[in-house]
N, C-alpha and C. Protein backbone atom coordinates (compact mmCIF):
# COMPACT_ATOMS: atom_id res chain seq x y z
N MET A 1 63.52 -11.87 -8.62
CA MET A 1 63.05 -11.45 -7.32
C MET A 1 61.52 -11.51 -7.29
N VAL A 2 60.99 -11.99 -6.22
CA VAL A 2 59.55 -12.10 -6.04
C VAL A 2 59.06 -10.84 -5.33
N GLY A 3 58.04 -10.19 -5.87
CA GLY A 3 57.48 -9.00 -5.25
C GLY A 3 56.74 -9.32 -3.98
N ASP A 4 56.49 -8.28 -3.17
CA ASP A 4 55.84 -8.48 -1.88
C ASP A 4 54.46 -9.11 -2.01
N ALA A 5 53.66 -8.63 -2.95
CA ALA A 5 52.30 -9.15 -3.09
C ALA A 5 52.33 -10.63 -3.49
N ALA A 6 53.20 -10.96 -4.44
CA ALA A 6 53.29 -12.37 -4.87
C ALA A 6 53.80 -13.24 -3.73
N TRP A 7 54.81 -12.73 -2.99
CA TRP A 7 55.34 -13.51 -1.87
C TRP A 7 54.27 -13.75 -0.81
N ASP A 8 53.46 -12.72 -0.52
CA ASP A 8 52.42 -12.89 0.49
C ASP A 8 51.41 -13.95 0.07
N GLN A 9 51.09 -14.04 -1.22
CA GLN A 9 50.19 -15.09 -1.68
C GLN A 9 50.85 -16.46 -1.53
N ASP A 10 52.12 -16.55 -1.92
CA ASP A 10 52.84 -17.82 -1.79
C ASP A 10 52.95 -18.21 -0.31
N TRP A 11 53.28 -17.24 0.54
CA TRP A 11 53.41 -17.49 1.97
C TRP A 11 52.10 -17.99 2.55
N ALA A 12 50.98 -17.40 2.13
CA ALA A 12 49.69 -17.84 2.64
C ALA A 12 49.42 -19.30 2.25
N ALA A 13 49.79 -19.65 1.04
CA ALA A 13 49.60 -21.05 0.61
C ALA A 13 50.51 -21.99 1.39
N ILE A 14 51.76 -21.61 1.60
CA ILE A 14 52.71 -22.44 2.37
C ILE A 14 52.22 -22.62 3.80
N GLU A 15 51.80 -21.52 4.42
CA GLU A 15 51.32 -21.57 5.79
C GLU A 15 50.09 -22.47 5.90
N SER A 16 49.15 -22.34 4.96
CA SER A 16 47.95 -23.19 4.97
C SER A 16 48.30 -24.65 4.80
N LEU A 17 49.24 -24.92 3.90
CA LEU A 17 49.66 -26.31 3.69
C LEU A 17 50.23 -26.89 4.97
N TYR A 18 51.12 -26.18 5.68
CA TYR A 18 51.72 -26.72 6.90
C TYR A 18 50.71 -26.85 8.02
N ARG A 19 49.74 -25.95 8.13
CA ARG A 19 48.69 -26.12 9.13
C ARG A 19 47.93 -27.42 8.88
N TYR A 20 47.62 -27.66 7.61
CA TYR A 20 46.91 -28.89 7.25
C TYR A 20 47.76 -30.13 7.56
N LEU A 21 49.05 -30.09 7.18
CA LEU A 21 49.93 -31.24 7.44
C LEU A 21 50.08 -31.51 8.93
N ILE A 22 50.13 -30.47 9.75
CA ILE A 22 50.21 -30.64 11.20
C ILE A 22 48.89 -31.24 11.71
N ARG A 23 47.77 -30.76 11.22
CA ARG A 23 46.47 -31.23 11.67
C ARG A 23 46.26 -32.72 11.35
N ILE A 24 46.71 -33.18 10.20
CA ILE A 24 46.51 -34.60 9.86
C ILE A 24 47.66 -35.48 10.33
N GLY A 25 48.69 -34.87 10.95
CA GLY A 25 49.75 -35.65 11.57
C GLY A 25 50.91 -36.02 10.67
N VAL A 26 51.04 -35.45 9.49
CA VAL A 26 52.15 -35.77 8.60
C VAL A 26 53.44 -35.14 9.13
N VAL A 27 53.37 -33.92 9.64
CA VAL A 27 54.53 -33.26 10.27
C VAL A 27 54.11 -32.83 11.66
N THR A 28 55.11 -32.64 12.53
CA THR A 28 54.79 -32.27 13.91
C THR A 28 54.81 -30.77 14.13
N ARG A 29 55.58 -30.04 13.30
CA ARG A 29 55.65 -28.59 13.46
C ARG A 29 56.05 -27.93 12.13
N GLN A 30 55.95 -26.63 12.12
CA GLN A 30 56.34 -25.86 10.93
C GLN A 30 57.87 -25.88 10.80
N PRO A 31 58.41 -25.83 9.57
CA PRO A 31 59.86 -25.86 9.41
C PRO A 31 60.53 -24.50 9.59
N TRP A 32 59.88 -23.56 10.19
CA TRP A 32 60.49 -22.27 10.48
C TRP A 32 60.27 -21.96 11.95
N ARG A 33 61.10 -21.08 12.47
CA ARG A 33 61.04 -20.73 13.88
C ARG A 33 59.82 -19.88 14.16
N ALA A 34 59.03 -20.29 15.11
CA ALA A 34 57.83 -19.55 15.47
C ALA A 34 58.19 -18.34 16.32
N THR A 35 57.51 -17.25 16.07
CA THR A 35 57.67 -16.03 16.87
C THR A 35 56.30 -15.62 17.36
N PRO A 36 56.26 -14.65 18.27
CA PRO A 36 54.94 -14.21 18.76
C PRO A 36 54.07 -13.61 17.65
N GLN A 37 54.70 -13.14 16.58
CA GLN A 37 53.91 -12.60 15.48
C GLN A 37 53.32 -13.74 14.67
N ARG A 38 52.10 -13.57 14.20
CA ARG A 38 51.41 -14.63 13.51
C ARG A 38 52.05 -14.99 12.17
N ASP A 39 52.32 -13.98 11.34
CA ASP A 39 52.86 -14.22 10.00
C ASP A 39 54.37 -14.07 10.01
N ASN A 40 55.07 -15.14 10.30
CA ASN A 40 56.52 -15.07 10.45
C ASN A 40 57.25 -14.74 9.17
N LEU A 41 56.81 -15.27 8.06
CA LEU A 41 57.51 -15.08 6.80
C LEU A 41 56.85 -14.06 5.88
N ALA A 42 55.78 -13.47 6.30
CA ALA A 42 55.07 -12.50 5.45
C ALA A 42 55.92 -11.25 5.24
N SER A 43 55.58 -10.49 4.21
CA SER A 43 56.40 -9.33 3.83
C SER A 43 56.20 -8.13 4.76
N ARG A 44 55.19 -8.12 5.54
CA ARG A 44 54.84 -7.01 6.44
C ARG A 44 54.28 -5.80 5.71
N ILE A 45 53.98 -5.96 4.44
CA ILE A 45 53.34 -4.89 3.68
C ILE A 45 51.85 -4.94 3.98
N ARG A 46 51.29 -3.83 4.41
CA ARG A 46 49.88 -3.79 4.75
C ARG A 46 49.05 -3.50 3.49
N PRO A 47 48.05 -4.33 3.20
CA PRO A 47 47.25 -4.11 2.01
C PRO A 47 46.25 -2.97 2.14
N ASP A 48 45.91 -2.57 3.36
CA ASP A 48 44.94 -1.50 3.53
C ASP A 48 45.64 -0.15 3.39
N LEU A 49 45.28 0.57 2.34
CA LEU A 49 45.91 1.86 2.06
C LEU A 49 45.30 2.94 2.94
N ARG A 50 46.12 3.83 3.37
CA ARG A 50 45.64 4.97 4.14
C ARG A 50 45.62 6.18 3.22
N VAL A 51 44.59 6.27 2.39
CA VAL A 51 44.47 7.34 1.42
C VAL A 51 43.75 8.51 2.06
N ARG A 52 44.35 9.66 1.92
CA ARG A 52 43.73 10.88 2.41
C ARG A 52 43.48 11.77 1.21
N HIS A 53 42.28 12.21 1.03
CA HIS A 53 41.94 13.02 -0.13
C HIS A 53 42.33 14.47 0.13
N MET A 54 42.72 15.14 -0.94
CA MET A 54 43.11 16.55 -0.82
C MET A 54 41.88 17.45 -0.89
N GLU A 55 41.96 18.53 -0.16
CA GLU A 55 40.97 19.58 -0.30
C GLU A 55 41.30 20.37 -1.55
N LEU A 56 40.36 21.18 -2.03
CA LEU A 56 40.57 21.95 -3.25
C LEU A 56 41.79 22.87 -3.13
N ASP A 57 41.94 23.53 -1.99
CA ASP A 57 43.08 24.43 -1.80
C ASP A 57 44.40 23.67 -1.88
N GLN A 58 44.44 22.47 -1.32
CA GLN A 58 45.66 21.66 -1.39
C GLN A 58 45.97 21.26 -2.81
N TYR A 59 44.94 20.86 -3.57
CA TYR A 59 45.16 20.48 -4.97
C TYR A 59 45.68 21.67 -5.78
N LEU A 60 45.05 22.82 -5.62
CA LEU A 60 45.49 24.01 -6.37
C LEU A 60 46.93 24.38 -6.02
N TYR A 61 47.31 24.18 -4.77
CA TYR A 61 48.68 24.45 -4.35
C TYR A 61 49.65 23.49 -5.05
N VAL A 62 49.31 22.21 -5.07
CA VAL A 62 50.16 21.21 -5.75
C VAL A 62 50.25 21.53 -7.24
N ARG A 63 49.12 21.83 -7.85
CA ARG A 63 49.10 22.11 -9.29
C ARG A 63 49.92 23.35 -9.64
N ASP A 64 49.70 24.42 -8.91
CA ASP A 64 50.32 25.69 -9.27
C ASP A 64 51.74 25.85 -8.75
N VAL A 65 52.01 25.37 -7.55
CA VAL A 65 53.35 25.49 -6.97
C VAL A 65 54.21 24.29 -7.37
N GLY A 66 53.70 23.10 -7.17
CA GLY A 66 54.49 21.91 -7.48
C GLY A 66 54.72 21.69 -8.95
N PHE A 67 53.66 21.84 -9.74
CA PHE A 67 53.77 21.59 -11.17
C PHE A 67 53.95 22.88 -11.97
N GLY A 68 53.44 24.00 -11.46
CA GLY A 68 53.38 25.21 -12.26
C GLY A 68 54.47 26.23 -12.05
N GLY A 69 55.37 26.01 -11.12
CA GLY A 69 56.49 26.92 -10.97
C GLY A 69 56.19 28.22 -10.24
N LEU A 70 55.12 28.25 -9.48
CA LEU A 70 54.83 29.45 -8.69
C LEU A 70 55.38 29.27 -7.29
N ALA A 71 55.67 30.39 -6.65
CA ALA A 71 56.07 30.38 -5.24
C ALA A 71 54.81 30.25 -4.38
N PRO A 72 54.95 29.83 -3.13
CA PRO A 72 53.76 29.70 -2.27
C PRO A 72 52.94 30.98 -2.14
N ASP A 73 53.57 32.15 -2.34
CA ASP A 73 52.81 33.41 -2.26
C ASP A 73 52.22 33.79 -3.62
N ALA A 74 52.21 32.85 -4.59
CA ALA A 74 51.65 33.01 -5.93
C ALA A 74 52.53 33.86 -6.85
N GLY A 75 53.70 34.23 -6.40
CA GLY A 75 54.64 34.91 -7.28
C GLY A 75 55.43 33.90 -8.10
N LEU A 76 56.24 34.39 -9.01
CA LEU A 76 57.05 33.50 -9.85
C LEU A 76 58.21 32.96 -9.04
N ASP A 77 58.40 31.66 -9.06
CA ASP A 77 59.50 31.01 -8.35
C ASP A 77 60.68 30.90 -9.31
N VAL A 78 61.67 31.76 -9.17
CA VAL A 78 62.81 31.76 -10.09
C VAL A 78 63.70 30.55 -9.88
N SER A 79 63.55 29.85 -8.76
CA SER A 79 64.36 28.66 -8.53
C SER A 79 63.65 27.39 -8.99
N PHE A 80 62.47 27.52 -9.63
CA PHE A 80 61.71 26.35 -10.10
C PHE A 80 62.55 25.58 -11.10
N ARG A 81 62.73 24.30 -10.83
CA ARG A 81 63.58 23.48 -11.69
C ARG A 81 62.79 22.54 -12.58
N GLY A 82 61.48 22.76 -12.64
CA GLY A 82 60.64 21.93 -13.49
C GLY A 82 60.78 22.30 -14.95
N TRP A 83 60.05 21.63 -15.78
CA TRP A 83 60.12 21.83 -17.22
C TRP A 83 58.71 21.99 -17.74
N ARG A 84 58.44 23.01 -18.48
CA ARG A 84 57.15 23.25 -19.11
C ARG A 84 56.00 23.38 -18.10
N PRO A 85 56.00 24.43 -17.29
CA PRO A 85 54.97 24.55 -16.25
C PRO A 85 53.54 24.66 -16.78
N HIS A 86 53.34 25.31 -17.93
CA HIS A 86 51.97 25.41 -18.47
C HIS A 86 51.47 24.04 -18.92
N ARG A 87 52.35 23.26 -19.54
CA ARG A 87 51.97 21.90 -19.94
C ARG A 87 51.68 21.06 -18.69
N ASN A 88 52.53 21.18 -17.67
CA ASN A 88 52.35 20.40 -16.45
C ASN A 88 51.02 20.70 -15.77
N ARG A 89 50.68 21.98 -15.69
CA ARG A 89 49.42 22.35 -15.06
C ARG A 89 48.23 21.83 -15.86
N ALA A 90 48.30 21.95 -17.18
CA ALA A 90 47.20 21.47 -18.04
C ALA A 90 47.07 19.95 -17.91
N ALA A 91 48.20 19.24 -17.89
CA ALA A 91 48.16 17.78 -17.77
C ALA A 91 47.60 17.37 -16.41
N CYS A 92 47.98 18.07 -15.37
CA CYS A 92 47.49 17.78 -14.02
C CYS A 92 45.97 17.95 -13.97
N GLU A 93 45.49 19.01 -14.57
CA GLU A 93 44.05 19.28 -14.59
C GLU A 93 43.31 18.26 -15.44
N LEU A 94 43.88 17.90 -16.59
CA LEU A 94 43.26 16.87 -17.44
C LEU A 94 43.16 15.54 -16.69
N ALA A 95 44.23 15.17 -16.03
CA ALA A 95 44.24 13.90 -15.31
C ALA A 95 43.19 13.90 -14.21
N LEU A 96 43.11 14.96 -13.45
CA LEU A 96 42.16 15.01 -12.35
C LEU A 96 40.72 15.11 -12.83
N MET A 97 40.46 16.00 -13.76
CA MET A 97 39.08 16.27 -14.16
C MET A 97 38.49 15.21 -15.09
N THR A 98 39.34 14.46 -15.80
CA THR A 98 38.81 13.48 -16.74
C THR A 98 39.09 12.05 -16.32
N GLY A 99 40.07 11.84 -15.46
CA GLY A 99 40.47 10.49 -15.10
C GLY A 99 41.38 9.86 -16.14
N MET A 100 41.89 10.67 -17.08
CA MET A 100 42.80 10.13 -18.09
C MET A 100 44.10 9.69 -17.45
N ARG A 101 44.66 8.64 -18.00
CA ARG A 101 45.97 8.16 -17.57
C ARG A 101 47.05 8.88 -18.37
N ILE A 102 48.29 8.76 -17.93
CA ILE A 102 49.40 9.45 -18.59
C ILE A 102 49.45 9.11 -20.08
N GLN A 103 49.38 7.81 -20.40
CA GLN A 103 49.49 7.43 -21.81
C GLN A 103 48.32 7.95 -22.63
N GLU A 104 47.20 8.25 -21.98
CA GLU A 104 46.04 8.76 -22.71
C GLU A 104 46.18 10.25 -23.01
N TRP A 105 46.45 11.07 -21.98
CA TRP A 105 46.54 12.50 -22.28
C TRP A 105 47.82 12.87 -23.02
N SER A 106 48.86 12.06 -22.89
CA SER A 106 50.11 12.41 -23.58
C SER A 106 50.05 12.10 -25.07
N THR A 107 49.07 11.32 -25.51
CA THR A 107 48.95 11.02 -26.93
C THR A 107 47.77 11.72 -27.59
N LEU A 108 47.11 12.61 -26.88
CA LEU A 108 45.98 13.34 -27.46
C LEU A 108 46.46 14.27 -28.57
N LEU A 109 45.69 14.35 -29.61
CA LEU A 109 45.96 15.29 -30.69
C LEU A 109 45.01 16.48 -30.55
N LEU A 110 45.43 17.63 -31.03
CA LEU A 110 44.60 18.83 -30.89
C LEU A 110 43.21 18.66 -31.51
N PRO A 111 43.07 18.06 -32.71
CA PRO A 111 41.71 17.88 -33.24
C PRO A 111 40.81 17.01 -32.36
N GLU A 112 41.41 16.08 -31.61
CA GLU A 112 40.60 15.25 -30.71
C GLU A 112 40.00 16.07 -29.58
N LEU A 113 40.67 17.18 -29.23
CA LEU A 113 40.14 18.08 -28.21
C LEU A 113 39.27 19.17 -28.82
N GLY A 114 39.04 19.11 -30.13
CA GLY A 114 38.23 20.13 -30.80
C GLY A 114 39.00 21.39 -31.10
N LEU A 115 40.32 21.35 -30.99
CA LEU A 115 41.16 22.53 -31.24
C LEU A 115 41.56 22.54 -32.72
N VAL A 116 40.78 23.24 -33.52
CA VAL A 116 41.02 23.30 -34.95
C VAL A 116 41.01 24.76 -35.38
N ASP A 117 41.99 25.14 -36.21
CA ASP A 117 42.10 26.50 -36.75
C ASP A 117 42.15 27.56 -35.64
N GLY A 118 42.81 27.25 -34.55
CA GLY A 118 43.00 28.22 -33.47
C GLY A 118 41.77 28.44 -32.61
N LEU A 119 40.70 27.71 -32.84
CA LEU A 119 39.48 27.84 -32.04
C LEU A 119 39.46 26.78 -30.97
N ARG A 120 38.97 27.15 -29.79
CA ARG A 120 38.88 26.20 -28.68
C ARG A 120 37.44 26.15 -28.19
N PRO A 121 36.85 24.94 -28.17
CA PRO A 121 35.50 24.84 -27.60
C PRO A 121 35.56 25.00 -26.09
N ALA A 122 34.44 25.34 -25.49
CA ALA A 122 34.40 25.49 -24.04
C ALA A 122 34.61 24.15 -23.34
N PHE A 123 34.13 23.07 -23.94
CA PHE A 123 34.27 21.71 -23.40
C PHE A 123 34.18 20.74 -24.56
N THR A 124 34.51 19.49 -24.31
CA THR A 124 34.44 18.49 -25.38
C THR A 124 34.37 17.09 -24.79
N ASP A 125 33.96 16.16 -25.62
CA ASP A 125 34.02 14.74 -25.30
C ASP A 125 35.11 14.13 -26.18
N VAL A 126 35.96 13.32 -25.57
CA VAL A 126 37.06 12.70 -26.30
C VAL A 126 36.88 11.19 -26.27
N GLU A 127 36.99 10.59 -27.45
CA GLU A 127 36.94 9.13 -27.56
C GLU A 127 38.36 8.59 -27.47
N LEU A 128 38.64 7.84 -26.44
CA LEU A 128 39.96 7.22 -26.26
C LEU A 128 39.85 5.78 -26.74
N LYS A 129 40.71 5.42 -27.68
CA LYS A 129 40.62 4.07 -28.22
C LYS A 129 41.93 3.34 -28.04
N ALA A 130 42.84 3.52 -28.96
CA ALA A 130 44.08 2.74 -28.97
C ALA A 130 44.95 3.02 -27.75
N CYS A 131 44.88 4.24 -27.21
CA CYS A 131 45.75 4.59 -26.08
C CYS A 131 45.13 4.25 -24.73
N ALA A 132 43.88 3.83 -24.70
CA ALA A 132 43.22 3.53 -23.44
C ALA A 132 43.76 2.21 -22.85
N LYS A 133 43.53 2.02 -21.57
CA LYS A 133 44.00 0.83 -20.87
C LYS A 133 43.44 -0.43 -21.53
N PHE A 134 44.32 -1.37 -21.83
CA PHE A 134 43.98 -2.64 -22.49
C PHE A 134 43.34 -2.42 -23.86
N GLY A 135 43.50 -1.21 -24.44
CA GLY A 135 42.95 -0.94 -25.76
C GLY A 135 41.43 -0.87 -25.78
N ARG A 136 40.79 -0.76 -24.62
CA ARG A 136 39.33 -0.68 -24.56
C ARG A 136 38.91 0.77 -24.79
N PRO A 137 38.05 0.99 -25.76
CA PRO A 137 37.62 2.37 -26.01
C PRO A 137 36.75 2.89 -24.87
N ARG A 138 36.91 4.17 -24.59
CA ARG A 138 36.05 4.83 -23.61
C ARG A 138 35.99 6.31 -23.94
N SER A 139 34.99 6.96 -23.43
CA SER A 139 34.78 8.38 -23.71
C SER A 139 35.00 9.16 -22.42
N VAL A 140 35.68 10.30 -22.53
CA VAL A 140 35.87 11.17 -21.36
C VAL A 140 35.36 12.57 -21.69
N TYR A 141 34.82 13.21 -20.71
CA TYR A 141 34.32 14.58 -20.83
C TYR A 141 35.41 15.52 -20.34
N VAL A 142 35.80 16.46 -21.17
CA VAL A 142 36.79 17.46 -20.80
C VAL A 142 36.03 18.75 -20.51
N ALA A 143 36.02 19.13 -19.23
CA ALA A 143 35.26 20.28 -18.76
C ALA A 143 35.94 21.59 -19.14
N PRO A 144 35.29 22.72 -18.93
CA PRO A 144 35.88 24.02 -19.30
C PRO A 144 37.21 24.34 -18.60
N ASP A 145 37.36 23.99 -17.32
CA ASP A 145 38.60 24.35 -16.62
C ASP A 145 39.86 23.77 -17.25
N PRO A 146 39.91 22.46 -17.54
CA PRO A 146 41.10 21.95 -18.21
C PRO A 146 41.29 22.52 -19.61
N MET A 147 40.19 22.81 -20.30
CA MET A 147 40.30 23.40 -21.63
C MET A 147 40.93 24.80 -21.53
N GLU A 148 40.57 25.57 -20.51
CA GLU A 148 41.13 26.92 -20.33
C GLU A 148 42.63 26.87 -20.02
N LEU A 149 43.06 25.83 -19.30
CA LEU A 149 44.49 25.73 -18.98
C LEU A 149 45.34 25.42 -20.21
N LEU A 150 44.71 25.02 -21.30
CA LEU A 150 45.45 24.80 -22.55
C LEU A 150 45.82 26.13 -23.21
N ASP A 151 45.10 27.21 -22.89
CA ASP A 151 45.33 28.50 -23.54
C ASP A 151 46.77 29.01 -23.41
N PRO A 152 47.38 29.03 -22.23
CA PRO A 152 48.78 29.49 -22.19
C PRO A 152 49.77 28.46 -22.73
N TYR A 153 49.45 27.18 -22.60
CA TYR A 153 50.37 26.14 -23.05
C TYR A 153 50.52 26.12 -24.57
N LEU A 154 49.41 26.18 -25.29
CA LEU A 154 49.46 26.01 -26.74
C LEU A 154 50.34 27.04 -27.45
N PRO A 155 50.22 28.33 -27.18
CA PRO A 155 51.10 29.28 -27.90
C PRO A 155 52.49 29.43 -27.30
N LEU A 156 52.64 29.19 -25.99
CA LEU A 156 53.92 29.48 -25.34
C LEU A 156 54.91 28.30 -25.33
N GLU A 157 54.44 27.10 -25.10
CA GLU A 157 55.36 25.97 -24.92
C GLU A 157 55.24 24.91 -26.01
N ARG A 158 54.06 24.72 -26.54
CA ARG A 158 53.87 23.63 -27.49
C ARG A 158 54.68 23.79 -28.78
N PRO A 159 54.81 24.98 -29.37
CA PRO A 159 55.58 25.08 -30.62
C PRO A 159 57.02 24.57 -30.49
N GLU A 160 57.68 24.87 -29.37
CA GLU A 160 59.05 24.38 -29.17
C GLU A 160 59.08 22.86 -29.00
N ILE A 161 58.12 22.31 -28.27
CA ILE A 161 58.05 20.86 -28.08
C ILE A 161 57.84 20.16 -29.41
N VAL A 162 56.93 20.70 -30.24
CA VAL A 162 56.65 20.11 -31.55
C VAL A 162 57.87 20.20 -32.45
N ALA A 163 58.55 21.34 -32.42
CA ALA A 163 59.75 21.50 -33.26
C ALA A 163 60.82 20.48 -32.88
N LYS A 164 61.05 20.29 -31.60
CA LYS A 164 62.02 19.28 -31.15
C LYS A 164 61.60 17.89 -31.59
N ALA A 165 60.32 17.58 -31.45
CA ALA A 165 59.83 16.26 -31.83
C ALA A 165 59.99 16.03 -33.32
N GLN A 166 59.73 17.05 -34.12
CA GLN A 166 59.86 16.90 -35.57
C GLN A 166 61.29 16.60 -35.97
N ARG A 167 62.25 17.26 -35.34
CA ARG A 167 63.66 17.00 -35.66
C ARG A 167 64.04 15.56 -35.33
N SER A 168 63.55 15.06 -34.21
CA SER A 168 63.94 13.70 -33.81
C SER A 168 63.15 12.63 -34.56
N LEU A 169 61.96 12.97 -35.06
CA LEU A 169 61.13 11.99 -35.75
C LEU A 169 61.31 12.01 -37.26
N ARG A 170 61.93 13.06 -37.77
CA ARG A 170 62.10 13.19 -39.22
C ARG A 170 62.96 12.07 -39.76
N ARG A 171 62.50 11.46 -40.83
CA ARG A 171 63.27 10.37 -41.46
C ARG A 171 64.36 10.94 -42.34
N PRO A 172 65.50 10.26 -42.34
CA PRO A 172 66.54 10.72 -43.26
C PRO A 172 66.11 10.45 -44.71
N SER A 173 66.38 11.41 -45.61
CA SER A 173 65.95 11.23 -47.00
C SER A 173 66.96 10.55 -47.84
């Protein structure tokens, strides 16, 4: 199957070719039925995105209610069906504040964030190498806010996640 973007490029080339062939007299008309719309065979996907940026209150609502399992009134949502709300909130903050991609923040190790012997720096710079896009190294600054959101995640949810991972990654002896 050809995707919309690829088809639109192919369609543009086909349309240009037939306009040229009509202009030089090789063919008399296009081999498709003309309609009042200009791009008869195009995918109708608009390339201009209508991006609306969130205000801070909207972002905090998405982070805490959508990812963090809180009710809109800031109470605990007992019907929250998500998994690991403290991890989700920390990941959301890391992604927003640093620009890290999923594969980048999901492969971070605690020492890379300066988390050694139970101590947490207020902020840090992280060198992303092998996990960065196209393997290009880059440095990201992790501000105090995302670092603070790691505080509830590390003692409450991370030990269980690590224990599960160890069981599945352990080699048979």
